Amino acid sequence: MSAGFRAVIELEMTGDDAVRFVAEWPQMAGEVAEVPGCLG
């Protein structure tokens, strides 16, 4: 995960949301790679 992307996550999420996102990221990474811009 790039530092810039991590910074965006930290700005947009706090607490449980961030923890859940980080926990699910390994599974999401593949989907994100296949669908550019889905984080819009």
PDB file of N, CA and C in Angstrom:
ATOM      1  N   MET A   1       0.851  -1.197   0.000  1.00  0.00           N
ATOM      2  CA  MET A   1       0.000   0.000   0.000  1.00  0.00           C
ATOM      3  C   MET A   1       0.884   1.244   0.000  1.00  0.00           C
ATOM      4  N   SER A   2       0.586   2.181  -0.878  1.00  0.00           N
ATOM      5  CA  SER A   2       1.406   3.377  -0.964  1.00  0.00           C
ATOM      6  C   SER A   2       1.153   4.286   0.231  1.00  0.00           C
ATOM      7  N   ALA A   3       2.141   5.090   0.578  1.00  0.00           N
ATOM      8  CA  ALA A   3       2.009   6.010   1.707  1.00  0.00           C
ATOM      9  C   ALA A   3       0.888   7.008   1.458  1.00  0.00           C
ATOM     10  N   GLY A   4       0.779   7.471   0.223  1.00  0.00           N
ATOM     11  CA  GLY A   4      -0.271   8.438  -0.108  1.00  0.00           C
ATOM     12  C   GLY A   4      -1.652   7.838   0.079  1.00  0.00           C
ATOM     13  N   PHE A   5      -1.809   6.596  -0.361  1.00  0.00           N
ATOM     14  CA  PHE A   5      -3.094   5.921  -0.221  1.00  0.00           C
ATOM     15  C   PHE A   5      -3.431   5.723   1.247  1.00  0.00           C
ATOM     16  N   ARG A   6      -2.422   5.351   2.036  1.00  0.00           N
ATOM     17  CA  ARG A   6      -2.620   5.153   3.468  1.00  0.00           C
ATOM     18  C   ARG A   6      -3.061   6.459   4.123  1.00  0.00           C
ATOM     19  N   ALA A   7      -2.480   7.570   3.694  1.00  0.00           N
ATOM     20  CA  ALA A   7      -2.834   8.873   4.251  1.00  0.00           C
ATOM     21  C   ALA A   7      -4.300   9.192   3.970  1.00  0.00           C
ATOM     22  N   VAL A   8      -4.754   8.876   2.758  1.00  0.00           N
ATOM     23  CA  VAL A   8      -6.154   9.109   2.409  1.00  0.00           C
ATOM     24  C   VAL A   8      -7.065   8.287   3.304  1.00  0.00           C
ATOM     25  N   ILE A   9      -6.701   7.047   3.529  1.00  0.00           N
ATOM     26  CA  ILE A   9      -7.503   6.174   4.392  1.00  0.00           C
ATOM     27  C   ILE A   9      -7.588   6.775   5.793  1.00  0.00           C
ATOM     28  N   GLU A  10      -6.455   7.246   6.308  1.00  0.00           N
ATOM     29  CA  GLU A  10      -6.437   7.791   7.660  1.00  0.00           C
ATOM     30  C   GLU A  10      -7.296   9.044   7.759  1.00  0.00           C
ATOM     31  N   LEU A  11      -7.342   9.822   6.682  1.00  0.00           N
ATOM     32  CA  LEU A  11      -8.144  11.043   6.683  1.00  0.00           C
ATOM     33  C   LEU A  11      -9.637  10.726   6.622  1.00  0.00           C
ATOM     34  N   GLU A  12      -9.989   9.675   5.873  1.00  0.00           N
ATOM     35  CA  GLU A  12     -11.400   9.389   5.638  1.00  0.00           C
ATOM     36  C   GLU A  12     -12.005   8.418   6.646  1.00  0.00           C
ATOM     37  N   MET A  13     -11.172   7.678   7.361  1.00  0.00           N
ATOM     38  CA  MET A  13     -11.690   6.695   8.301  1.00  0.00           C
ATOM     39  C   MET A  13     -11.023   6.852   9.657  1.00  0.00           C
ATOM     40  N   THR A  14     -11.781   6.500  10.692  1.00  0.00           N
ATOM     41  CA  THR A  14     -11.218   6.525  12.033  1.00  0.00           C
ATOM     42  C   THR A  14     -11.663   5.281  12.795  1.00  0.00           C
ATOM     43  N   GLY A  15     -10.922   4.935  13.808  1.00  0.00           N
ATOM     44  CA  GLY A  15     -11.313   3.861  14.704  1.00  0.00           C
ATOM     45  C   GLY A  15     -11.639   2.548  14.008  1.00  0.00           C
ATOM     46  N   ASP A  16     -12.817   2.024  14.322  1.00  0.00           N
ATOM     47  CA  ASP A  16     -13.211   0.696  13.845  1.00  0.00           C
ATOM     48  C   ASP A  16     -13.237   0.602  12.332  1.00  0.00           C
ATOM     49  N   ASP A  17     -13.645   1.676  11.655  1.00  0.00           N
ATOM     50  CA  ASP A  17     -13.697   1.635  10.198  1.00  0.00           C
ATOM     51  C   ASP A  17     -12.312   1.378   9.621  1.00  0.00           C
ATOM     52  N   ALA A  18     -11.311   2.080  10.134  1.00  0.00           N
ATOM     53  CA  ALA A  18      -9.951   1.910   9.633  1.00  0.00           C
ATOM     54  C   ALA A  18      -9.447   0.499   9.938  1.00  0.00           C
ATOM     55  N   VAL A  19      -9.703   0.024  11.138  1.00  0.00           N
ATOM     56  CA  VAL A  19      -9.250  -1.317  11.527  1.00  0.00           C
ATOM     57  C   VAL A  19      -9.877  -2.369  10.624  1.00  0.00           C
ATOM     58  N   ARG A  20     -11.151  -2.235  10.364  1.00  0.00           N
ATOM     59  CA  ARG A  20     -11.853  -3.202   9.519  1.00  0.00           C
ATOM     60  C   ARG A  20     -11.315  -3.157   8.091  1.00  0.00           C
ATOM     61  N   PHE A  21     -11.070  -1.942   7.593  1.00  0.00           N
ATOM     62  CA  PHE A  21     -10.543  -1.808   6.235  1.00  0.00           C
ATOM     63  C   PHE A  21      -9.181  -2.481   6.118  1.00  0.00           C
ATOM     64  N   VAL A  22      -8.300  -2.220   7.074  1.00  0.00           N
ATOM     65  CA  VAL A  22      -6.962  -2.817   7.041  1.00  0.00           C
ATOM     66  C   VAL A  22      -7.053  -4.337   7.122  1.00  0.00           C
ATOM     67  N   ALA A  23      -7.996  -4.827   7.926  1.00  0.00           N
ATOM     68  CA  ALA A  23      -8.158  -6.274   8.078  1.00  0.00           C
ATOM     69  C   ALA A  23      -8.633  -6.908   6.774  1.00  0.00           C
ATOM     70  N   GLU A  24      -9.457  -6.179   6.007  1.00  0.00           N
ATOM     71  CA  GLU A  24     -10.025  -6.725   4.779  1.00  0.00           C
ATOM     72  C   GLU A  24      -9.173  -6.399   3.556  1.00  0.00           C
ATOM     73  N   TRP A  25      -8.217  -5.482   3.700  1.00  0.00           N
ATOM     74  CA  TRP A  25      -7.437  -5.018   2.543  1.00  0.00           C
ATOM     75  C   TRP A  25      -6.838  -6.140   1.698  1.00  0.00           C
ATOM     76  N   PRO A  26      -6.208  -7.177   2.297  1.00  0.00           N
ATOM     77  CA  PRO A  26      -5.605  -8.236   1.479  1.00  0.00           C
ATOM     78  C   PRO A  26      -6.604  -8.851   0.502  1.00  0.00           C
ATOM     79  N   GLN A  27      -7.856  -8.992   0.908  1.00  0.00           N
ATOM     80  CA  GLN A  27      -8.876  -9.567   0.041  1.00  0.00           C
ATOM     81  C   GLN A  27      -9.324  -8.544  -1.002  1.00  0.00           C
ATOM     82  N   MET A  28      -9.419  -7.279  -0.599  1.00  0.00           N
ATOM     83  CA  MET A  28      -9.892  -6.223  -1.481  1.00  0.00           C
ATOM     84  C   MET A  28      -8.862  -5.873  -2.553  1.00  0.00           C
ATOM     85  N   ALA A  29      -7.584  -6.020  -2.225  1.00  0.00           N
ATOM     86  CA  ALA A  29      -6.511  -5.590  -3.130  1.00  0.00           C
ATOM     87  C   ALA A  29      -6.682  -6.165  -4.538  1.00  0.00           C
ATOM     88  N   GLY A  30      -6.986  -7.445  -4.623  1.00  0.00           N
ATOM     89  CA  GLY A  30      -7.158  -8.081  -5.925  1.00  0.00           C
ATOM     90  C   GLY A  30      -8.321  -7.478  -6.698  1.00  0.00           C
ATOM     91  N   GLU A  31      -9.427  -7.207  -6.009  1.00  0.00           N
ATOM     92  CA  GLU A  31     -10.598  -6.642  -6.665  1.00  0.00           C
ATOM     93  C   GLU A  31     -10.308  -5.228  -7.142  1.00  0.00           C
ATOM     94  N   VAL A  32      -9.629  -4.461  -6.310  1.00  0.00           N
ATOM     95  CA  VAL A  32      -9.282  -3.080  -6.655  1.00  0.00           C
ATOM     96  C   VAL A  32      -8.392  -3.050  -7.890  1.00  0.00           C
ATOM     97  N   ALA A  33      -7.444  -3.985  -7.952  1.00  0.00           N
ATOM     98  CA  ALA A  33      -6.525  -4.037  -9.086  1.00  0.00           C
ATOM     99  C   ALA A  33      -7.276  -4.328 -10.392  1.00  0.00           C
ATOM    100  N   GLU A  34      -8.356  -5.087 -10.297  1.00  0.00           N
ATOM    101  CA  GLU A  34      -9.110  -5.460 -11.492  1.00  0.00           C
ATOM    102  C   GLU A  34     -10.107  -4.373 -11.899  1.00  0.00           C
ATOM    103  N   VAL A  35     -10.467  -3.503 -10.949  1.00  0.00           N
ATOM    104  CA  VAL A  35     -11.462  -2.467 -11.230  1.00  0.00           C
ATOM    105  C   VAL A  35     -10.898  -1.100 -10.842  1.00  0.00           C
ATOM    106  N   PRO A  36     -10.041  -0.524 -11.685  1.00  0.00           N
ATOM    107  CA  PRO A  36      -9.419   0.764 -11.391  1.00  0.00           C
ATOM    108  C   PRO A  36     -10.464   1.841 -11.119  1.00  0.00           C
ATOM    109  N   GLY A  37     -10.200   2.661 -10.086  1.00  0.00           N
ATOM    110  CA  GLY A  37     -11.095   3.774  -9.807  1.00  0.00           C
ATOM    111  C   GLY A  37     -12.271   3.406  -8.927  1.00  0.00           C
ATOM    112  N   CYS A  38     -12.343   2.178  -8.478  1.00  0.00           N
ATOM    113  CA  CYS A  38     -13.495   1.773  -7.681  1.00  0.00           C
ATOM    114  C   CYS A  38     -13.503   2.476  -6.321  1.00  0.00           C
ATOM    115  N   LEU A  39     -12.342   2.988  -5.899  1.00  0.00           N
ATOM    116  CA  LEU A  39     -12.281   3.714  -4.636  1.00  0.00           C
ATOM    117  C   LEU A  39     -12.743   5.159  -4.808  1.00  0.00           C
ATOM    118  N   GLY A  40     -12.895   5.570  -6.068  1.00  0.00           N
ATOM    119  CA  GLY A  40     -13.392   6.852  -6.492  1.00  0.00           C
ATOM    120  C   GLY A  40     -13.415   7.896  -5.458  1.00  0.00           C
TER     121      GLY A  40
END
